[in-house]
Amino acid sequence: MYRDIATQLVTAIQNGLFVTKLPTEAALMERYQCSRNTIRKAIDLVYQQGLLRRVQGSGYYITDIQLQHKTVVNLSARSLFNSNSTPATCSLRS
């Protein structure tokens, strides 16, 4: 069940239903009629996909970097510690 909820959360994020922040766990429990543990597992799956960031005491926020924008950000250690350049980005062509 938590996998289905995670899939629905990802779809909602991609469709712009949740723009900056997820609703509270309590609101999601009511929306999906399930336990807090199920919601937390679903959120964790979405978090593992890189679509969310956690802020303790504040909630779950939608990350700004998403592949739907067709931009890849290179965050490798080598590019971050090279003082002569900025992190590299490239646009994907479809």
Protein backbone atom coordinates (compact mmCIF):
# COMPACT_ATOMS: atom_id res chain seq x y z
CA MET A 1 0.00 0.00 0.00
CA TYR A 2 2.80 2.46 0.83
CA ARG A 3 4.28 1.95 -2.64
CA ASP A 4 0.97 3.00 -4.21
CA ILE A 5 0.87 6.09 -2.01
CA ALA A 6 4.49 6.90 -2.90
CA THR A 7 3.63 6.64 -6.60
CA GLN A 8 0.67 8.97 -6.09
CA LEU A 9 2.85 11.45 -4.20
CA VAL A 10 5.44 11.46 -7.00
CA THR A 11 2.70 12.03 -9.57
CA ALA A 12 1.24 14.86 -7.48
CA ILE A 13 4.68 16.50 -7.24
CA GLN A 14 5.31 16.16 -10.97
CA ASN A 15 1.86 17.57 -11.76
CA GLY A 16 2.42 20.56 -9.50
CA LEU A 17 -0.17 19.65 -6.88
CA PHE A 18 2.52 20.04 -4.20
CA VAL A 19 4.82 22.88 -5.20
CA THR A 20 6.96 23.76 -2.20
CA LYS A 21 5.99 21.46 0.66
CA LEU A 22 4.11 18.22 1.34
CA PRO A 23 1.07 18.37 3.59
CA THR A 24 1.57 17.20 7.17
CA GLU A 25 1.68 13.50 7.96
CA ALA A 26 -1.70 13.86 9.68
CA ALA A 27 -3.23 15.41 6.55
CA LEU A 28 -1.77 12.66 4.38
CA MET A 29 -3.07 10.00 6.80
CA GLU A 30 -6.57 11.45 6.45
CA ARG A 31 -6.26 11.82 2.68
CA TYR A 32 -5.12 8.22 2.09
CA GLN A 33 -6.97 6.65 5.06
CA CYS A 34 -3.94 4.84 6.42
CA SER A 35 -1.59 4.76 9.40
CA ARG A 36 1.28 7.14 10.12
CA ASN A 37 3.74 4.29 9.60
CA THR A 38 2.41 3.72 6.06
CA ILE A 39 2.67 7.44 5.25
CA ARG A 40 6.21 7.59 6.61
CA LYS A 41 7.26 4.60 4.48
CA ALA A 42 5.71 6.22 1.39
CA ILE A 43 7.41 9.55 2.08
CA ASP A 44 10.72 7.75 2.61
CA LEU A 45 10.46 6.15 -0.85
CA VAL A 46 9.83 9.57 -2.41
CA TYR A 47 12.73 11.00 -0.38
CA GLN A 48 15.03 8.24 -1.68
CA GLN A 49 14.17 9.32 -5.24
CA GLY A 50 15.52 12.77 -4.46
CA LEU A 51 12.24 14.64 -4.78
CA LEU A 52 12.06 15.72 -1.13
CA ARG A 53 14.28 17.16 1.56
CA ARG A 54 13.57 16.85 5.26
CA VAL A 55 13.61 19.78 7.66
CA GLN A 56 13.28 18.57 11.24
CA GLY A 57 10.32 20.13 12.97
CA SER A 58 9.12 21.78 9.77
CA GLY A 59 8.20 19.05 7.29
CA TYR A 60 9.08 17.72 3.87
CA TYR A 61 9.93 20.18 1.11
CA ILE A 62 9.95 19.58 -2.63
CA THR A 63 13.50 19.80 -3.99
CA ASP A 64 14.27 22.45 -6.58
CA ILE A 65 16.39 20.15 -8.74
CA GLN A 66 14.13 17.79 -10.69
CA LEU A 67 14.79 15.91 -13.91
CA GLN A 68 11.47 17.03 -15.39
CA HIS A 69 13.23 20.35 -16.07
CA LYS A 70 15.72 18.44 -18.26
CA THR A 71 18.75 19.84 -16.46
CA VAL A 72 21.43 17.70 -14.87
CA VAL A 73 23.57 19.20 -12.13
CA ASN A 74 27.00 17.63 -11.64
CA LEU A 75 27.61 17.47 -7.90
CA SER A 76 30.62 15.17 -7.99
CA ALA A 77 33.36 15.81 -5.44
CA ARG A 78 35.87 16.58 -8.17
CA SER A 79 33.81 19.42 -9.65
CA LEU A 80 32.99 20.86 -6.21
CA PHE A 81 36.62 21.13 -5.14
CA ASN A 82 37.98 22.49 -8.40
CA SER A 83 38.51 26.17 -7.56
CA ASN A 84 38.72 27.28 -11.20
CA SER A 85 35.17 26.33 -12.14
CA THR A 86 31.57 26.30 -10.98
CA PRO A 87 29.50 23.11 -10.79
CA ALA A 88 28.78 21.94 -14.31
CA THR A 89 25.30 21.73 -15.77
CA CYS A 90 24.11 20.49 -19.11
CA SER A 91 20.78 20.42 -20.87
CA LEU A 92 19.36 17.15 -22.12
CA ARG A 93 18.05 17.09 -25.66
CA SER A 94 15.02 14.99 -26.43
